Amino acid sequence: MKILLIVLSAVLLSACRDGIPKKIPSDTWLQEEANLINWEQVDVFPVFATCGEMLPLDAQKKCFQETLTAHLHAFLTEKFQAYQNYQDTIVLHIEVDTLGQIKINTLQTHDAHNILDSLIQESVIDLPKIYPALKRNIPVNTQLRMALILQVE
C-alpha cells in the first residue's frame, strides 16, 4: 500500500510539472511579436473627425482622401478664380504625425511659378481635426501619396 502511494505521488508530481508553462524570456517574446507585426499597414487610418473611426480601414482611407481632396479643391478653386482654363495635376506627399498634424513634404506639379506650393501649404492650416493613424492603439506617423486634379474653367 505504501509503495502504491509513493508511486502514485511520484506520477502526480511529475505530471504537474509538465502542465506548467515555461517562461519565455522577454527579449525572445518581443522579437517574436515584432516579426508578426505588419509594419507596412496601420490598424486605423488617419481620419478626420467627420469620418468616424469605426469604419473599415478601406472606408477610413477613402473618407480621409475625399475630405482632404474636397478641402484642397475648394480652397484652390477659390484662389484660382482669376485664372481661366487652368488645369494641373498635383501629386502630394503628405505626412500625418502622431498628434494629427498634417504636413506637405513634397509637391509635384507642372506649374512653373510654384504658386500652388504656397497655396496648398496655406490650405492645410484650415483643415478639420485629424486623428492620427494607430498601430496596436499607439499613434504613429503616416506618409501618404495623393494625386489631385485641379481644373478651373
Protein backbone atom coordinates (compact mmCIF):
# COMPACT_ATOMS: atom_id res chain seq x y z
CA MET A 1 0.00 0.00 0.00
CA LYS A 2 2.85 2.40 0.87
CA ILE A 3 4.63 1.58 -2.36
CA LEU A 4 1.47 2.25 -4.36
CA LEU A 5 1.04 5.59 -2.57
CA ILE A 6 4.67 6.57 -3.29
CA VAL A 7 4.39 5.59 -6.98
CA LEU A 8 1.10 7.43 -7.34
CA SER A 9 2.55 10.55 -5.69
CA ALA A 10 5.61 10.47 -7.97
CA VAL A 11 3.41 10.16 -11.06
CA LEU A 12 1.19 13.06 -9.96
CA LEU A 13 4.14 15.31 -9.15
CA SER A 14 5.82 14.65 -12.48
CA ALA A 15 2.54 15.21 -14.34
CA CYS A 16 2.04 18.58 -12.62
CA ARG A 17 5.45 19.80 -13.69
CA ASP A 18 4.66 19.10 -17.34
CA GLY A 19 1.48 21.20 -17.13
CA ILE A 20 3.30 24.36 -16.01
CA PRO A 21 4.05 26.60 -18.99
CA LYS A 22 7.69 27.50 -19.43
CA LYS A 23 8.63 31.16 -19.13
CA ILE A 24 9.77 32.78 -22.35
CA PRO A 25 12.45 35.46 -21.97
CA SER A 26 11.04 38.92 -22.67
CA ASP A 27 13.60 39.57 -25.41
CA THR A 28 12.51 36.42 -27.24
CA TRP A 29 8.83 37.27 -26.88
CA LEU A 30 9.43 40.83 -28.08
CA GLN A 31 11.33 39.60 -31.13
CA GLU A 32 8.58 37.09 -31.99
CA GLU A 33 5.89 39.78 -31.69
CA ALA A 34 7.89 42.24 -33.79
CA ASN A 35 8.20 39.61 -36.52
CA LEU A 36 4.43 39.03 -36.52
CA ILE A 37 3.51 42.72 -36.91
CA ASN A 38 2.96 44.05 -40.43
CA TRP A 39 4.80 47.37 -40.16
CA GLU A 40 3.68 48.48 -43.63
CA GLN A 41 -0.01 48.78 -42.72
CA VAL A 42 -1.77 50.61 -39.90
CA ASP A 43 -4.70 49.28 -37.88
CA VAL A 44 -6.57 52.60 -38.05
CA PHE A 45 -6.00 55.05 -40.90
CA PRO A 46 -5.68 58.78 -40.10
CA VAL A 47 -9.22 60.14 -40.07
CA PHE A 48 -10.94 63.48 -39.93
CA ALA A 49 -13.40 63.98 -37.09
CA THR A 50 -16.21 63.89 -39.68
CA CYS A 51 -15.23 60.42 -40.94
CA GLY A 52 -15.61 58.26 -37.85
CA GLU A 53 -13.00 55.82 -36.58
CA MET A 54 -15.27 52.76 -36.56
CA LEU A 55 -15.34 52.43 -40.35
CA PRO A 56 -13.41 49.60 -42.03
CA LEU A 57 -9.83 50.50 -43.00
CA ASP A 58 -10.64 50.99 -46.71
CA ALA A 59 -13.57 53.26 -45.86
CA GLN A 60 -11.38 55.29 -43.47
CA LYS A 61 -8.79 55.78 -46.20
CA LYS A 62 -11.43 56.76 -48.75
CA CYS A 63 -13.09 59.22 -46.36
CA PHE A 64 -9.72 60.79 -45.48
CA GLN A 65 -8.78 61.22 -49.14
CA GLU A 66 -12.19 62.55 -50.16
CA THR A 67 -12.32 65.05 -47.28
CA LEU A 68 -8.79 66.28 -47.96
CA THR A 69 -9.39 66.46 -51.71
CA ALA A 70 -12.66 68.38 -51.26
CA HIS A 71 -11.00 70.85 -48.88
CA LEU A 72 -7.99 71.44 -51.15
CA HIS A 73 -10.14 71.68 -54.26
CA ALA A 74 -12.48 74.25 -52.69
CA PHE A 75 -9.57 76.32 -51.38
CA LEU A 76 -7.61 76.25 -54.64
CA THR A 77 -10.64 76.87 -56.86
CA GLU A 78 -11.43 79.98 -54.82
CA LYS A 79 -7.84 81.24 -55.16
CA PHE A 80 -7.67 80.46 -58.87
CA GLN A 81 -10.87 82.22 -59.91
CA ALA A 82 -8.78 84.84 -61.69
CA TYR A 83 -7.26 82.16 -63.90
CA GLN A 84 -9.32 80.76 -66.71
CA ASN A 85 -8.84 77.37 -68.26
CA TYR A 86 -6.26 76.37 -65.66
CA GLN A 87 -5.64 72.66 -65.33
CA ASP A 88 -2.90 70.83 -63.48
CA THR A 89 -2.30 67.51 -61.76
CA ILE A 90 -0.71 67.82 -58.36
CA VAL A 91 0.99 64.90 -56.60
CA LEU A 92 1.19 65.45 -52.86
CA HIS A 93 3.47 63.62 -50.45
CA ILE A 94 1.74 64.05 -47.11
CA GLU A 95 2.71 63.17 -43.56
CA VAL A 96 0.29 62.93 -40.65
CA ASP A 97 2.19 62.84 -37.37
CA THR A 98 1.26 61.23 -34.05
CA LEU A 99 -0.55 64.40 -32.95
CA GLY A 100 -2.71 64.54 -36.09
CA GLN A 101 -0.79 67.44 -37.62
CA ILE A 102 -0.62 67.30 -41.41
CA LYS A 103 2.43 68.36 -43.35
CA ILE A 104 3.01 68.52 -47.09
CA ASN A 105 6.52 67.10 -47.55
CA THR A 106 6.80 67.48 -51.31
CA LEU A 107 4.57 68.57 -54.11
CA GLN A 108 4.96 67.75 -57.80
CA THR A 109 3.21 69.95 -60.32
CA HIS A 110 3.61 71.35 -63.82
CA ASP A 111 3.17 74.91 -62.52
CA ALA A 112 6.43 76.75 -63.21
CA HIS A 113 5.60 79.60 -60.81
CA ASN A 114 5.31 77.36 -57.73
CA ILE A 115 2.25 79.31 -56.63
CA LEU A 116 0.49 76.04 -55.86
CA ASP A 117 3.07 75.04 -53.27
CA SER A 118 2.45 78.07 -51.08
CA LEU A 119 -1.33 77.88 -51.56
CA ILE A 120 -1.50 74.21 -50.57
CA GLN A 121 0.71 74.84 -47.55
CA GLU A 122 -1.71 77.63 -46.60
CA SER A 123 -4.78 75.47 -47.17
CA VAL A 124 -3.77 72.68 -44.76
CA ILE A 125 -3.83 75.16 -41.87
CA ASP A 126 -7.64 75.30 -42.06
CA LEU A 127 -8.25 71.55 -42.16
CA PRO A 128 -10.70 69.99 -39.70
CA LYS A 129 -9.29 67.98 -36.78
CA ILE A 130 -7.39 64.87 -37.83
CA TYR A 131 -6.93 61.83 -35.63
CA PRO A 132 -3.58 60.10 -36.28
CA ALA A 133 -3.15 56.58 -37.60
CA LEU A 134 -2.94 53.84 -35.00
CA LYS A 135 -0.90 50.67 -34.84
CA ARG A 136 -1.88 48.49 -31.89
CA ASN A 137 -3.65 51.51 -30.38
CA ILE A 138 -0.47 53.60 -30.47
CA PRO A 139 -0.46 56.79 -32.60
CA VAL A 140 2.06 56.52 -35.45
CA ASN A 141 3.36 58.79 -38.20
CA THR A 142 1.86 58.05 -41.59
CA GLN A 143 3.10 59.01 -45.03
CA LEU A 144 0.67 59.21 -47.94
CA ARG A 145 0.84 60.00 -51.62
CA MET A 146 -2.19 61.55 -53.29
CA ALA A 147 -2.92 62.94 -56.73
CA LEU A 148 -5.18 65.96 -57.06
CA ILE A 149 -6.51 67.21 -60.38
CA LEU A 150 -7.15 70.96 -60.33
CA GLN A 151 -9.32 72.26 -63.12
CA VAL A 152 -10.63 75.83 -63.21
CA GLU A 153 -12.81 76.86 -66.13
